[in-house]
C-alpha atoms as a PDB file:
ATOM      1  CA  MET A   1      31.936 -24.505-212.878  1.00  0.00           C
ATOM      2  CA  ALA A   2      32.455 -26.802-209.820  1.00  0.00           C
ATOM      3  CA  THR A   3      35.449 -29.754-210.617  1.00  0.00           C
ATOM      4  CA  PHE A   4      35.343 -33.215-208.880  1.00  0.00           C
ATOM      5  CA  GLU A   5      37.743 -32.236-206.709  1.00  0.00           C
ATOM      6  CA  GLU A   6      35.908 -29.625-205.334  1.00  0.00           C
ATOM      7  CA  PHE A   7      32.712 -31.917-204.805  1.00  0.00           C
ATOM      8  CA  GLN A   8      34.518 -33.880-203.004  1.00  0.00           C
ATOM      9  CA  LYS A   9      35.814 -32.071-200.667  1.00  0.00           C
ATOM     10  CA  ILE A  10      31.876 -32.029-199.318  1.00  0.00           C
ATOM     11  CA  GLU A  11      31.646 -34.369-197.031  1.00  0.00           C
ATOM     12  CA  LEU A  12      27.837 -35.893-197.072  1.00  0.00           C
ATOM     13  CA  ARG A  13      27.279 -37.926-194.063  1.00  0.00           C
ATOM     14  CA  VAL A  14      23.790 -40.259-193.417  1.00  0.00           C
ATOM     15  CA  GLY A  15      22.795 -39.026-190.061  1.00  0.00           C
ATOM     16  CA  VAL A  16      19.633 -39.873-187.488  1.00  0.00           C
ATOM     17  CA  ILE A  17      17.559 -37.653-185.891  1.00  0.00           C
ATOM     18  CA  THR A  18      17.292 -37.978-182.144  1.00  0.00           C
ATOM     19  CA  GLU A  19      15.758 -34.631-181.014  1.00  0.00           C
ATOM     20  CA  VAL A  20      13.255 -32.003-182.501  1.00  0.00           C
ATOM     21  CA  GLU A  21      12.520 -28.742-180.298  1.00  0.00           C
ATOM     22  CA  ASP A  22      10.456 -25.708-181.733  1.00  0.00           C
ATOM     23  CA  PHE A  23      13.115 -22.876-182.641  1.00  0.00           C
ATOM     24  CA  PRO A  24      10.151 -19.891-182.326  1.00  0.00           C
ATOM     25  CA  ARG A  25      13.077 -17.398-182.585  1.00  0.00           C
ATOM     26  CA  ALA A  26      14.177 -18.282-186.466  1.00  0.00           C
ATOM     27  CA  LYS A  27      11.906 -15.882-189.138  1.00  0.00           C
ATOM     28  CA  LYS A  28      10.591 -18.842-191.059  1.00  0.00           C
ATOM     29  CA  PRO A  29       8.829 -21.517-189.315  1.00  0.00           C
ATOM     30  CA  ALA A  30      11.946 -24.366-188.058  1.00  0.00           C
ATOM     31  CA  TYR A  31      12.978 -26.780-185.694  1.00  0.00           C
ATOM     32  CA  ARG A  32      15.969 -26.947-183.995  1.00  0.00           C
ATOM     33  CA  ILE A  33      17.427 -30.739-184.225  1.00  0.00           C
ATOM     34  CA  THR A  34      20.090 -33.047-183.073  1.00  0.00           C
ATOM     35  CA  VAL A  35      21.415 -35.257-185.169  1.00  0.00           C
ATOM     36  CA  ASN A  36      23.561 -38.194-184.785  1.00  0.00           C
ATOM     37  CA  PHE A  37      26.317 -39.459-187.271  1.00  0.00           C
ATOM     38  CA  GLY A  38      27.627 -41.892-185.566  1.00  0.00           C
ATOM     39  CA  ASP A  39      30.808 -42.263-183.297  1.00  0.00           C
ATOM     40  CA  GLU A  40      33.186 -40.902-185.301  1.00  0.00           C
ATOM     41  CA  ILE A  41      31.702 -37.806-186.033  1.00  0.00           C
ATOM     42  CA  GLY A  42      28.596 -37.750-183.049  1.00  0.00           C
ATOM     43  CA  LEU A  43      26.002 -35.631-182.014  1.00  0.00           C
ATOM     44  CA  LYS A  44      25.352 -32.332-184.550  1.00  0.00           C
ATOM     45  CA  LYS A  45      22.759 -29.637-183.777  1.00  0.00           C
ATOM     46  CA  SER A  46      20.808 -28.112-186.708  1.00  0.00           C
ATOM     47  CA  SER A  47      17.598 -25.616-187.886  1.00  0.00           C
ATOM     48  CA  VAL A  48      15.943 -26.998-190.491  1.00  0.00           C
ATOM     49  CA  GLN A  49      12.475 -25.508-191.941  1.00  0.00           C
ATOM     50  CA  ALA A  50      11.282 -29.110-191.989  1.00  0.00           C
ATOM     51  CA  THR A  51       7.250 -27.736-189.805  1.00  0.00           C
ATOM     52  CA  ASN A  52       5.882 -29.917-192.647  1.00  0.00           C
ATOM     53  CA  TYR A  53       6.438 -32.913-191.264  1.00  0.00           C
ATOM     54  CA  SER A  54       5.653 -33.788-187.463  1.00  0.00           C
ATOM     55  CA  LYS A  55       8.034 -33.832-184.685  1.00  0.00           C
ATOM     56  CA  ASP A  56       7.340 -37.484-184.333  1.00  0.00           C
ATOM     57  CA  GLU A  57       7.622 -38.184-188.156  1.00  0.00           C
ATOM     58  CA  LEU A  58      11.599 -36.497-187.756  1.00  0.00           C
ATOM     59  CA  ILE A  59      12.719 -38.398-184.587  1.00  0.00           C
ATOM     60  CA  GLY A  60      14.391 -41.650-185.984  1.00  0.00           C
ATOM     61  CA  MET A  61      14.143 -39.728-189.881  1.00  0.00           C
ATOM     62  CA  GLN A  62      17.468 -40.740-191.512  1.00  0.00           C
ATOM     63  CA  VAL A  63      18.548 -37.778-193.602  1.00  0.00           C
ATOM     64  CA  ILE A  64      21.790 -36.359-195.517  1.00  0.00           C
ATOM     65  CA  GLY A  65      24.051 -33.549-194.255  1.00  0.00           C
ATOM     66  CA  VAL A  66      26.720 -31.421-194.980  1.00  0.00           C
ATOM     67  CA  VAL A  67      28.664 -32.020-191.965  1.00  0.00           C
ATOM     68  CA  ASN A  68      32.229 -30.527-192.825  1.00  0.00           C
ATOM     69  CA  PHE A  69      30.804 -26.217-192.851  1.00  0.00           C
ATOM     70  CA  PRO A  70      31.584 -24.536-190.734  1.00  0.00           C
ATOM     71  CA  PRO A  71      29.001 -23.462-188.129  1.00  0.00           C
ATOM     72  CA  ARG A  72      26.700 -20.707-188.572  1.00  0.00           C
ATOM     73  CA  ASN A  73      24.601 -18.435-186.540  1.00  0.00           C
ATOM     74  CA  ILE A  74      21.266 -18.967-187.109  1.00  0.00           C
ATOM     75  CA  ALA A  75      18.963 -16.347-184.487  1.00  0.00           C
ATOM     76  CA  GLY A  76      21.177 -16.897-181.493  1.00  0.00           C
ATOM     77  CA  PHE A  77      21.698 -20.698-182.153  1.00  0.00           C
ATOM     78  CA  MET A  78      24.832 -22.416-183.634  1.00  0.00           C
ATOM     79  CA  SER A  79      24.004 -24.794-186.540  1.00  0.00           C
ATOM     80  CA  GLU A  80      26.412 -27.142-186.872  1.00  0.00           C
ATOM     81  CA  VAL A  81      25.374 -29.212-189.977  1.00  0.00           C
ATOM     82  CA  LEU A  82      23.951 -28.600-193.159  1.00  0.00           C
ATOM     83  CA  VAL A  83      20.328 -31.475-193.406  1.00  0.00           C
ATOM     84  CA  LEU A  84      19.373 -31.367-197.383  1.00  0.00           C
ATOM     85  CA  GLY A  85      16.565 -31.074-198.652  1.00  0.00           C
ATOM     86  CA  VAL A  86      14.798 -30.800-201.766  1.00  0.00           C
ATOM     87  CA  PRO A  87      10.735 -29.102-203.334  1.00  0.00           C
ATOM     88  CA  GLY A  88       8.442 -32.291-202.917  1.00  0.00           C
ATOM     89  CA  THR A  89       6.263 -31.664-205.764  1.00  0.00           C
ATOM     90  CA  ASP A  90       3.156 -30.014-203.306  1.00  0.00           C
ATOM     91  CA  GLY A  91       6.580 -27.213-202.808  1.00  0.00           C
ATOM     92  CA  GLN A  92       7.017 -28.344-199.348  1.00  0.00           C
ATOM     93  CA  LEU A  93      10.606 -29.148-198.317  1.00  0.00           C
ATOM     94  CA  SER A  94      11.486 -33.093-198.889  1.00  0.00           C
ATOM     95  CA  LEU A  95      14.514 -34.246-196.704  1.00  0.00           C
ATOM     96  CA  LEU A  96      16.596 -35.968-198.735  1.00  0.00           C
ATOM     97  CA  THR A  97      16.778 -39.564-197.008  1.00  0.00           C
ATOM     98  CA  PRO A  98      18.293 -42.999-198.389  1.00  0.00           C
ATOM     99  CA  SER A  99      15.932 -44.779-199.845  1.00  0.00           C
ATOM    100  CA  ARG A 100      16.965 -48.012-197.494  1.00  0.00           C
ATOM    101  CA  PRO A 101      18.375 -47.669-194.023  1.00  0.00           C
ATOM    102  CA  ALA A 102      21.786 -46.711-194.413  1.00  0.00           C
ATOM    103  CA  VAL A 103      24.329 -47.016-191.925  1.00  0.00           C
ATOM    104  CA  VAL A 104      24.749 -43.990-189.718  1.00  0.00           C
ATOM    105  CA  GLY A 105      27.623 -41.982-190.165  1.00  0.00           C
ATOM    106  CA  GLY A 106      28.329 -43.486-193.556  1.00  0.00           C
ATOM    107  CA  ALA A 107      29.534 -41.099-196.225  1.00  0.00           C
ATOM    108  CA  VAL A 108      27.791 -40.603-199.585  1.00  0.00           C
ATOM    109  CA  TYR A 109      29.461 -41.746-202.543  1.00  0.00           C
END
């Protein structure tokens, strides 16, 4: 079982998706995205299997991401942040977003 102290090591922040590109090299349908986490953290790149969203839906969307995991190579692309999601009732990905507009770069607590 994880302890509260271990959970506190995970840095969850609010970001805004600023760029979305197709990612044809990915094994599963995915996009390459850029997420702005504010002045302190800046821009981070990631791959998300969020093709049930249109690119236009994703641009400007606030999301929750883990910003302190090491970068991970995904099909030749370095993913710098883990954008969080859950299964929707339709079985498709539902990205975790704040229920109200949040401070960009704000920590989840």
